[in-house]
C-alpha atoms as a PDB file:
ATOM      1  CA  MET A   1      30.556  -5.468 -54.373  1.00  0.00           C
ATOM      2  CA  ARG A   2      26.948  -6.691 -54.868  1.00  0.00           C
ATOM      3  CA  ILE A   3      27.985 -10.129 -53.331  1.00  0.00           C
ATOM      4  CA  LEU A   4      29.228  -8.460 -50.240  1.00  0.00           C
ATOM      5  CA  GLY A   5      26.026  -6.457 -49.970  1.00  0.00           C
ATOM      6  CA  ILE A   6      23.866  -9.564 -50.392  1.00  0.00           C
ATOM      7  CA  ALA A   7      25.977 -11.359 -47.866  1.00  0.00           C
ATOM      8  CA  GLY A   8      25.824  -8.503 -45.343  1.00  0.00           C
ATOM      9  CA  LEU A   9      22.071  -8.507 -45.793  1.00  0.00           C
ATOM     10  CA  LEU A  10      21.741 -12.282 -45.336  1.00  0.00           C
ATOM     11  CA  LEU A  11      23.936 -12.070 -42.247  1.00  0.00           C
ATOM     12  CA  ALA A  12      21.772  -9.232 -40.824  1.00  0.00           C
ATOM     13  CA  LEU A  13      18.621 -11.241 -41.548  1.00  0.00           C
ATOM     14  CA  ALA A  14      19.986 -14.370 -39.810  1.00  0.00           C
ATOM     15  CA  LEU A  15      20.955 -12.205 -36.817  1.00  0.00           C
ATOM     16  CA  VAL A  16      17.440 -10.763 -36.531  1.00  0.00           C
ATOM     17  CA  GLY A  17      15.815 -14.189 -36.940  1.00  0.00           C
ATOM     18  CA  TYR A  18      18.088 -15.598 -34.215  1.00  0.00           C
ATOM     19  CA  LEU A  19      17.132 -12.780 -31.783  1.00  0.00           C
ATOM     20  CA  ILE A  20      13.513 -13.250 -32.542  1.00  0.00           C
ATOM     21  CA  VAL A  21      13.609 -16.957 -31.908  1.00  0.00           C
ATOM     22  CA  GLY A  22      15.546 -16.443 -28.736  1.00  0.00           C
ATOM     23  CA  TYR A  23      13.027 -13.866 -27.570  1.00  0.00           C
ATOM     24  CA  LEU A  24      10.036 -16.069 -28.281  1.00  0.00           C
ATOM     25  CA  GLY A  25      11.681 -18.978 -26.498  1.00  0.00           C
ATOM     26  CA  GLU A  26      12.363 -16.876 -23.383  1.00  0.00           C
ATOM     27  CA  ALA A  27       8.824 -15.588 -23.411  1.00  0.00           C
ATOM     28  CA  GLY A  28       7.504 -19.191 -23.453  1.00  0.00           C
ATOM     29  CA  ARG A  29       9.613 -20.173 -20.535  1.00  0.00           C
ATOM     30  CA  ALA A  30       8.472 -17.177 -18.495  1.00  0.00           C
ATOM     31  CA  GLN A  31       4.772 -18.117 -19.190  1.00  0.00           C
ATOM     32  CA  ASP A  32       5.472 -21.651 -18.013  1.00  0.00           C
ATOM     33  CA  ALA A  33       7.127 -20.314 -14.898  1.00  0.00           C
ATOM     34  CA  LEU A  34       4.137 -18.059 -14.097  1.00  0.00           C
ATOM     35  CA  ARG A  35       1.729 -20.958 -14.586  1.00  0.00           C
ATOM     36  CA  THR A  36       3.570 -23.391 -12.310  1.00  0.00           C
ATOM     37  CA  VAL A  37       4.490 -21.320  -9.291  1.00  0.00           C
ATOM     38  CA  PRO A  38       6.553 -23.260  -6.760  1.00  0.00           C
ATOM     39  CA  GLY A  39       5.146 -23.698  -3.345  1.00  0.00           C
ATOM     40  CA  GLY A  40       1.589 -24.348  -4.404  1.00  0.00           C
ATOM     41  CA  PRO A  41      -1.230 -25.457  -2.019  1.00  0.00           C
ATOM     42  CA  ALA A  42      -0.641 -28.339   0.332  1.00  0.00           C
ATOM     43  CA  GLY A  43      -1.041 -31.726  -1.348  1.00  0.00           C
ATOM     44  CA  ALA A  44      -0.224 -30.378  -4.752  1.00  0.00           C
ATOM     45  CA  GLN A  45       2.810 -31.774  -6.433  1.00  0.00           C
ATOM     46  CA  SER A  46       5.722 -29.443  -6.888  1.00  0.00           C
ATOM     47  CA  GLY A  47       5.308 -27.409 -10.117  1.00  0.00           C
ATOM     48  CA  ALA A  48       1.649 -28.104 -10.444  1.00  0.00           C
ATOM     49  CA  PRO A  49      -0.456 -25.265 -11.778  1.00  0.00           C
ATOM     50  CA  VAL A  50      -1.833 -22.915  -9.114  1.00  0.00           C
ATOM     51  CA  ASP A  51      -4.620 -20.454  -8.818  1.00  0.00           C
ATOM     52  CA  LEU A  52      -3.028 -17.016  -9.574  1.00  0.00           C
ATOM     53  CA  THR A  53      -6.242 -15.095  -8.850  1.00  0.00           C
ATOM     54  CA  LYS A  54      -6.471 -12.875  -5.800  1.00  0.00           C
ATOM     55  CA  SER A  55      -8.368 -15.437  -3.755  1.00  0.00           C
ATOM     56  CA  GLY A  56      -5.956 -18.136  -4.689  1.00  0.00           C
ATOM     57  CA  LEU A  57      -2.906 -16.147  -3.679  1.00  0.00           C
ATOM     58  CA  GLU A  58      -4.635 -15.169  -0.350  1.00  0.00           C
ATOM     59  CA  GLN A  59      -5.389 -18.814   0.389  1.00  0.00           C
ATOM     60  CA  ARG A  60      -1.789 -19.788  -0.394  1.00  0.00           C
ATOM     61  CA  LEU A  61      -0.291 -16.921   1.736  1.00  0.00           C
ATOM     62  CA  ALA A  62      -2.701 -17.219   4.677  1.00  0.00           C
ATOM     63  CA  PRO A  63      -0.381 -19.388   6.836  1.00  0.00           C
ATOM     64  CA  THR A  64       2.555 -17.002   6.421  1.00  0.00           C
ATOM     65  CA  ILE A  65       0.425 -13.962   6.980  1.00  0.00           C
ATOM     66  CA  GLU A  66      -1.087 -15.459  10.140  1.00  0.00           C
ATOM     67  CA  MET A  67       2.501 -16.428  11.516  1.00  0.00           C
ATOM     68  CA  GLU A  68       3.667 -12.827  10.844  1.00  0.00           C
ATOM     69  CA  ARG A  69       0.634 -11.460  12.606  1.00  0.00           C
ATOM     70  CA  LYS A  70       1.277 -13.624  15.681  1.00  0.00           C
ATOM     71  CA  ARG A  71       4.902 -12.472  15.611  1.00  0.00           C
ATOM     72  CA  VAL A  72       3.991  -8.789  15.506  1.00  0.00           C
ATOM     73  CA  GLU A  73       1.410  -9.138  18.279  1.00  0.00           C
ATOM     74  CA  GLY A  74       3.988 -10.905  20.397  1.00  0.00           C
ATOM     75  CA  ALA A  75       6.473  -8.081  19.766  1.00  0.00           C
ATOM     76  CA  ASN A  76       3.929  -5.412  20.634  1.00  0.00           C
ATOM     77  CA  GLN A  77       3.062  -7.290  23.937  1.00  0.00           C
ATOM     78  CA  VAL A  78       6.705  -7.382  24.881  1.00  0.00           C
ATOM     79  CA  SER A  79       7.240  -3.749  23.998  1.00  0.00           C
ATOM     80  CA  GLY A  80       4.014  -2.776  25.891  1.00  0.00           C
ATOM     81  CA  GLN A  81       5.138  -4.348  29.198  1.00  0.00           C
END
C-alpha cells in the first residue's frame, strides 16, 4: 500500500513539474513575441525589435491612421454633396 502511495505522489509531482515547465516555456515565447512585433518600421528586418512605447506605436501606425483619415474625409465629402 505504501508503494502505491509513493508512486502516486511521484506521479503527481511529475505532472505538476511538467505543467510548470510548459507554462514557463509558453511565457518565454509570449515575451519574445511581444519584443519582436511583426510589421516594424520601414527598413527594419522582419522580426526585429521595435519600440513599444506610445511614441513608437504612434510612429508605426501613422501611415495607416493617415490613410483612414483621408478615407473618412472622402466619405464625408461624398455624403455632404
